[in-house]
Amino acid sequence: MQPVVRVSILRCAPDRFAEFRQMMEDSDPVLRPGIEALPGLLAYYAGADEATSSLSNVSLWATLAHAKQMDAFQPMPDLGKQFAGKGATFERPIMNYAPLWQLKGGGVPSPLVGEG
């Protein structure tokens, strides 16, 4: 079976970016336990890009069926409604990519912002 890269993107007005970024950071303790408990999860990243006023959730799953579990993970649409209620828009449909090729880094990873 081939892994799947799931990508969800939120966009907002530049003047609201800091607010949405904070909301995304605050969603960690709400979402993390449930997502970590889903079978097939290989990696998950929540990201922010101020230059494009966008936030993303990018995850790697063992199979498409595993990735699609997120469609039924109720805390995600519940939080999405809060974001949308404040003016965020979401790219739809959520994208589930079959990898065409991959690279694996061999170096020592640098700490992410806020770690260490």
N, C-alpha and C. Protein backbone atom coordinates (compact mmCIF):
# COMPACT_ATOMS: atom_id res chain seq x y z
N MET A 1 0.84 -1.18 0.00
CA MET A 1 0.00 0.00 0.00
C MET A 1 0.88 1.25 0.00
N GLN A 2 0.35 2.29 -0.57
CA GLN A 2 1.09 3.53 -0.73
C GLN A 2 0.58 4.58 0.26
N PRO A 3 1.47 5.33 0.90
CA PRO A 3 1.01 6.37 1.82
C PRO A 3 0.29 7.50 1.09
N VAL A 4 -0.41 8.31 1.86
CA VAL A 4 -1.19 9.43 1.32
C VAL A 4 -0.82 10.70 2.10
N VAL A 5 -0.62 11.80 1.36
CA VAL A 5 -0.36 13.10 1.96
C VAL A 5 -1.67 13.89 1.92
N ARG A 6 -2.19 14.24 3.09
CA ARG A 6 -3.45 14.98 3.19
C ARG A 6 -3.12 16.45 3.46
N VAL A 7 -3.74 17.36 2.71
CA VAL A 7 -3.46 18.79 2.83
C VAL A 7 -4.77 19.56 2.96
N SER A 8 -4.87 20.32 4.04
CA SER A 8 -6.01 21.20 4.24
C SER A 8 -5.46 22.61 4.43
N ILE A 9 -6.02 23.57 3.69
CA ILE A 9 -5.52 24.95 3.72
C ILE A 9 -6.64 25.92 4.08
N LEU A 10 -6.32 26.82 5.01
CA LEU A 10 -7.21 27.89 5.45
C LEU A 10 -6.59 29.21 5.00
N ARG A 11 -7.41 30.11 4.51
CA ARG A 11 -6.92 31.44 4.13
C ARG A 11 -7.71 32.48 4.91
N CYS A 12 -7.05 33.61 5.16
CA CYS A 12 -7.70 34.68 5.92
C CYS A 12 -7.17 36.03 5.44
N ALA A 13 -7.84 37.07 5.88
CA ALA A 13 -7.38 38.43 5.58
C ALA A 13 -6.08 38.68 6.33
N PRO A 14 -5.13 39.38 5.70
CA PRO A 14 -3.84 39.62 6.34
C PRO A 14 -3.95 40.25 7.73
N ASP A 15 -4.91 41.14 7.92
CA ASP A 15 -5.04 41.80 9.22
C ASP A 15 -5.62 40.88 10.30
N ARG A 16 -6.08 39.70 9.92
CA ARG A 16 -6.62 38.72 10.89
C ARG A 16 -5.68 37.54 11.09
N PHE A 17 -4.55 37.54 10.38
CA PHE A 17 -3.65 36.37 10.41
C PHE A 17 -3.21 36.01 11.83
N ALA A 18 -2.78 36.99 12.62
CA ALA A 18 -2.28 36.70 13.98
C ALA A 18 -3.37 36.03 14.82
N GLU A 19 -4.60 36.49 14.68
CA GLU A 19 -5.71 35.90 15.43
C GLU A 19 -5.92 34.44 15.03
N PHE A 20 -5.92 34.17 13.72
CA PHE A 20 -6.13 32.80 13.26
C PHE A 20 -4.95 31.90 13.61
N ARG A 21 -3.77 32.44 13.56
CA ARG A 21 -2.59 31.66 13.96
C ARG A 21 -2.72 31.24 15.42
N GLN A 22 -3.14 32.18 16.27
CA GLN A 22 -3.32 31.85 17.69
C GLN A 22 -4.41 30.81 17.87
N MET A 23 -5.49 30.93 17.12
CA MET A 23 -6.56 29.93 17.19
C MET A 23 -6.03 28.55 16.81
N MET A 24 -5.17 28.51 15.78
CA MET A 24 -4.60 27.24 15.35
C MET A 24 -3.70 26.67 16.46
N GLU A 25 -2.89 27.52 17.05
CA GLU A 25 -2.03 27.05 18.15
C GLU A 25 -2.88 26.55 19.31
N ASP A 26 -3.97 27.25 19.62
CA ASP A 26 -4.85 26.85 20.71
C ASP A 26 -5.60 25.55 20.42
N SER A 27 -5.71 25.17 19.15
CA SER A 27 -6.43 23.95 18.79
C SER A 27 -5.61 22.68 19.07
N ASP A 28 -4.31 22.83 19.29
CA ASP A 28 -3.44 21.67 19.52
C ASP A 28 -3.98 20.73 20.60
N PRO A 29 -4.23 21.20 21.82
CA PRO A 29 -4.68 20.25 22.85
C PRO A 29 -6.06 19.66 22.58
N VAL A 30 -6.85 20.33 21.77
CA VAL A 30 -8.18 19.82 21.42
C VAL A 30 -8.06 18.70 20.38
N LEU A 31 -7.19 18.90 19.40
CA LEU A 31 -7.09 17.97 18.27
C LEU A 31 -6.08 16.85 18.47
N ARG A 32 -4.95 17.16 19.08
CA ARG A 32 -3.83 16.21 19.15
C ARG A 32 -4.21 14.82 19.68
N PRO A 33 -4.87 14.69 20.84
CA PRO A 33 -5.11 13.34 21.36
C PRO A 33 -5.92 12.46 20.40
N GLY A 34 -6.94 13.04 19.80
CA GLY A 34 -7.77 12.27 18.89
C GLY A 34 -7.06 11.90 17.61
N ILE A 35 -6.29 12.84 17.05
CA ILE A 35 -5.56 12.56 15.82
C ILE A 35 -4.49 11.51 16.07
N GLU A 36 -3.76 11.64 17.18
CA GLU A 36 -2.73 10.66 17.50
C GLU A 36 -3.31 9.26 17.69
N ALA A 37 -4.56 9.16 18.09
CA ALA A 37 -5.19 7.86 18.33
C ALA A 37 -5.68 7.20 17.04
N LEU A 38 -5.74 7.93 15.95
CA LEU A 38 -6.24 7.36 14.69
C LEU A 38 -5.21 6.39 14.10
N PRO A 39 -5.65 5.21 13.70
CA PRO A 39 -4.70 4.28 13.09
C PRO A 39 -4.20 4.80 11.74
N GLY A 40 -2.96 4.48 11.44
CA GLY A 40 -2.39 4.82 10.14
C GLY A 40 -1.70 6.16 10.08
N LEU A 41 -1.72 6.95 11.15
CA LEU A 41 -1.05 8.25 11.14
C LEU A 41 0.46 8.04 11.15
N LEU A 42 1.14 8.66 10.19
CA LEU A 42 2.59 8.59 10.11
C LEU A 42 3.25 9.90 10.55
N ALA A 43 2.61 11.03 10.24
CA ALA A 43 3.14 12.34 10.63
C ALA A 43 2.04 13.38 10.47
N TYR A 44 2.14 14.46 11.24
CA TYR A 44 1.14 15.52 11.17
C TYR A 44 1.83 16.86 11.46
N TYR A 45 1.57 17.84 10.64
CA TYR A 45 2.14 19.17 10.82
C TYR A 45 1.03 20.21 10.65
N ALA A 46 0.94 21.14 11.58
CA ALA A 46 0.10 22.32 11.42
C ALA A 46 1.07 23.46 11.15
N GLY A 47 0.79 24.25 10.12
CA GLY A 47 1.74 25.29 9.74
C GLY A 47 1.06 26.63 9.49
N ALA A 48 1.88 27.66 9.47
CA ALA A 48 1.41 29.03 9.25
C ALA A 48 2.35 29.73 8.29
N ASP A 49 1.78 30.46 7.33
CA ASP A 49 2.56 31.24 6.37
C ASP A 49 1.99 32.66 6.32
N GLU A 50 2.64 33.55 7.04
CA GLU A 50 2.15 34.92 7.11
C GLU A 50 2.17 35.60 5.75
N ALA A 51 3.14 35.27 4.90
CA ALA A 51 3.26 35.90 3.58
C ALA A 51 2.03 35.65 2.71
N THR A 52 1.36 34.51 2.90
CA THR A 52 0.16 34.20 2.10
C THR A 52 -1.11 34.23 2.94
N SER A 53 -1.00 34.66 4.19
CA SER A 53 -2.14 34.68 5.12
C SER A 53 -2.87 33.35 5.10
N SER A 54 -2.09 32.28 5.26
CA SER A 54 -2.70 30.95 5.23
C SER A 54 -2.15 30.08 6.35
N LEU A 55 -2.95 29.12 6.73
CA LEU A 55 -2.59 28.11 7.70
C LEU A 55 -2.85 26.75 7.06
N SER A 56 -2.07 25.76 7.44
CA SER A 56 -2.25 24.45 6.82
C SER A 56 -2.18 23.34 7.84
N ASN A 57 -2.83 22.25 7.50
CA ASN A 57 -2.69 20.98 8.20
C ASN A 57 -2.24 19.99 7.14
N VAL A 58 -1.04 19.47 7.30
CA VAL A 58 -0.47 18.51 6.35
C VAL A 58 -0.15 17.24 7.13
N SER A 59 -0.68 16.13 6.66
CA SER A 59 -0.45 14.88 7.37
C SER A 59 -0.11 13.77 6.39
N LEU A 60 0.58 12.78 6.93
CA LEU A 60 0.97 11.61 6.14
C LEU A 60 0.31 10.40 6.78
N TRP A 61 -0.38 9.62 5.94
CA TRP A 61 -1.16 8.47 6.40
C TRP A 61 -0.72 7.22 5.65
N ALA A 62 -0.90 6.08 6.26
CA ALA A 62 -0.49 4.81 5.67
C ALA A 62 -1.28 4.50 4.40
N THR A 63 -2.56 4.87 4.35
CA THR A 63 -3.41 4.59 3.19
C THR A 63 -4.43 5.71 3.02
N LEU A 64 -5.11 5.71 1.89
CA LEU A 64 -6.18 6.69 1.66
C LEU A 64 -7.30 6.50 2.67
N ALA A 65 -7.64 5.26 2.98
CA ALA A 65 -8.69 5.01 3.97
C ALA A 65 -8.31 5.60 5.32
N HIS A 66 -7.06 5.47 5.70
CA HIS A 66 -6.61 6.07 6.96
C HIS A 66 -6.74 7.60 6.89
N ALA A 67 -6.32 8.21 5.79
CA ALA A 67 -6.41 9.67 5.65
C ALA A 67 -7.85 10.14 5.74
N LYS A 68 -8.75 9.39 5.16
CA LYS A 68 -10.16 9.80 5.12
C LYS A 68 -10.84 9.70 6.48
N GLN A 69 -10.16 9.08 7.46
CA GLN A 69 -10.71 9.09 8.83
C GLN A 69 -10.90 10.52 9.32
N MET A 70 -10.07 11.43 8.82
CA MET A 70 -10.15 12.82 9.25
C MET A 70 -11.49 13.44 8.85
N ASP A 71 -12.12 12.92 7.79
CA ASP A 71 -13.43 13.44 7.37
C ASP A 71 -14.49 13.24 8.45
N ALA A 72 -14.32 12.19 9.27
CA ALA A 72 -15.29 11.87 10.31
C ALA A 72 -14.80 12.26 11.71
N PHE A 73 -13.65 12.89 11.81
CA PHE A 73 -13.09 13.30 13.10
C PHE A 73 -13.77 14.60 13.51
N GLN A 74 -14.84 14.50 14.30
CA GLN A 74 -15.74 15.62 14.56
C GLN A 74 -15.09 16.88 15.13
N PRO A 75 -14.06 16.80 15.97
CA PRO A 75 -13.47 18.05 16.45
C PRO A 75 -12.94 18.95 15.33
N MET A 76 -12.54 18.37 14.20
CA MET A 76 -12.00 19.18 13.11
C MET A 76 -13.09 20.07 12.47
N PRO A 77 -14.24 19.52 12.04
CA PRO A 77 -15.25 20.43 11.49
C PRO A 77 -15.84 21.38 12.53
N ASP A 78 -15.87 20.94 13.80
CA ASP A 78 -16.36 21.85 14.85
C ASP A 78 -15.46 23.08 14.94
N LEU A 79 -14.14 22.87 14.95
CA LEU A 79 -13.21 24.00 14.97
C LEU A 79 -13.26 24.79 13.67
N GLY A 80 -13.44 24.07 12.55
CA GLY A 80 -13.54 24.75 11.26
C GLY A 80 -14.69 25.76 11.24
N LYS A 81 -15.79 25.41 11.89
CA LYS A 81 -16.93 26.33 11.96
C LYS A 81 -16.56 27.59 12.75
N GLN A 82 -15.74 27.43 13.78
CA GLN A 82 -15.30 28.59 14.55
C GLN A 82 -14.42 29.50 13.69
N PHE A 83 -13.51 28.89 12.93
CA PHE A 83 -12.64 29.67 12.04
C PHE A 83 -13.49 30.38 10.97
N ALA A 84 -14.40 29.64 10.34
CA ALA A 84 -15.23 30.21 9.28
C ALA A 84 -16.12 31.33 9.84
N GLY A 85 -16.60 31.15 11.05
CA GLY A 85 -17.44 32.17 11.67
C GLY A 85 -16.72 33.48 11.90
N LYS A 86 -15.40 33.42 11.94
CA LYS A 86 -14.60 34.64 12.12
C LYS A 86 -14.03 35.14 10.78
N GLY A 87 -14.44 34.51 9.67
CA GLY A 87 -14.05 35.02 8.36
C GLY A 87 -13.03 34.22 7.58
N ALA A 88 -12.55 33.10 8.12
CA ALA A 88 -11.60 32.28 7.37
C ALA A 88 -12.32 31.52 6.26
N THR A 89 -11.58 31.21 5.21
CA THR A 89 -12.11 30.36 4.15
C THR A 89 -11.20 29.15 4.00
N PHE A 90 -11.77 28.05 3.58
CA PHE A 90 -11.04 26.80 3.42
C PHE A 90 -11.04 26.38 1.97
N GLU A 91 -9.90 25.91 1.51
CA GLU A 91 -9.86 25.34 0.16
C GLU A 91 -10.55 23.98 0.24
N ARG A 92 -11.49 23.78 -0.63
CA ARG A 92 -12.23 22.52 -0.69
C ARG A 92 -12.27 22.02 -2.11
N PRO A 93 -12.22 20.74 -2.31
CA PRO A 93 -12.18 19.71 -1.29
C PRO A 93 -10.79 19.61 -0.65
N ILE A 94 -10.73 18.97 0.52
CA ILE A 94 -9.44 18.68 1.13
C ILE A 94 -8.72 17.72 0.20
N MET A 95 -7.42 17.93 0.03
CA MET A 95 -6.65 17.17 -0.95
C MET A 95 -5.96 15.98 -0.28
N ASN A 96 -6.04 14.84 -0.93
CA ASN A 96 -5.37 13.62 -0.50
C ASN A 96 -4.49 13.16 -1.66
N TYR A 97 -3.19 13.36 -1.52
CA TYR A 97 -2.26 13.12 -2.61
C TYR A 97 -1.59 11.76 -2.51
N ALA A 98 -1.54 11.07 -3.64
CA ALA A 98 -0.72 9.87 -3.75
C ALA A 98 0.69 10.34 -4.10
N PRO A 99 1.68 9.95 -3.32
CA PRO A 99 3.06 10.41 -3.61
C PRO A 99 3.55 9.87 -4.95
N LEU A 100 4.28 10.72 -5.65
CA LEU A 100 4.92 10.32 -6.90
C LEU A 100 6.38 9.94 -6.67
N TRP A 101 7.03 10.60 -5.70
CA TRP A 101 8.38 10.27 -5.26
C TRP A 101 8.60 10.92 -3.91
N GLN A 102 9.66 10.56 -3.25
CA GLN A 102 9.92 11.11 -1.93
C GLN A 102 11.40 11.26 -1.68
N LEU A 103 11.72 12.10 -0.72
CA LEU A 103 13.07 12.27 -0.20
C LEU A 103 13.02 12.08 1.30
N LYS A 104 14.07 11.57 1.85
CA LYS A 104 14.19 11.46 3.30
C LYS A 104 15.48 12.14 3.70
N GLY A 105 15.37 13.08 4.62
CA GLY A 105 16.55 13.79 5.09
C GLY A 105 17.43 12.88 5.93
N GLY A 106 18.72 13.08 5.83
CA GLY A 106 19.64 12.26 6.59
C GLY A 106 20.34 13.01 7.70
N GLY A 107 20.11 14.31 7.77
CA GLY A 107 20.80 15.12 8.78
C GLY A 107 20.06 15.14 10.10
N VAL A 108 20.65 15.82 11.04
CA VAL A 108 20.03 16.00 12.35
C VAL A 108 19.01 17.12 12.23
N PRO A 109 17.76 16.87 12.61
CA PRO A 109 16.75 17.92 12.46
C PRO A 109 16.99 19.08 13.40
N SER A 110 16.67 20.28 12.92
CA SER A 110 16.73 21.47 13.75
C SER A 110 15.43 21.56 14.54
N PRO A 111 15.48 22.14 15.75
CA PRO A 111 14.25 22.28 16.51
C PRO A 111 13.28 23.22 15.80
N LEU A 112 12.00 22.92 15.92
CA LEU A 112 10.98 23.81 15.39
C LEU A 112 10.84 24.99 16.31
N VAL A 113 10.27 26.08 15.79
CA VAL A 113 10.03 27.26 16.61
C VAL A 113 9.18 26.84 17.81
N GLY A 114 9.56 27.28 18.97
CA GLY A 114 8.82 26.97 20.17
C GLY A 114 9.29 25.71 20.88
N GLU A 115 10.19 24.95 20.25
CA GLU A 115 10.73 23.75 20.89
C GLU A 115 12.10 24.05 21.46
N GLY A 116 12.49 23.24 22.42
CA GLY A 116 13.85 23.28 22.95
C GLY A 116 14.11 24.48 23.72
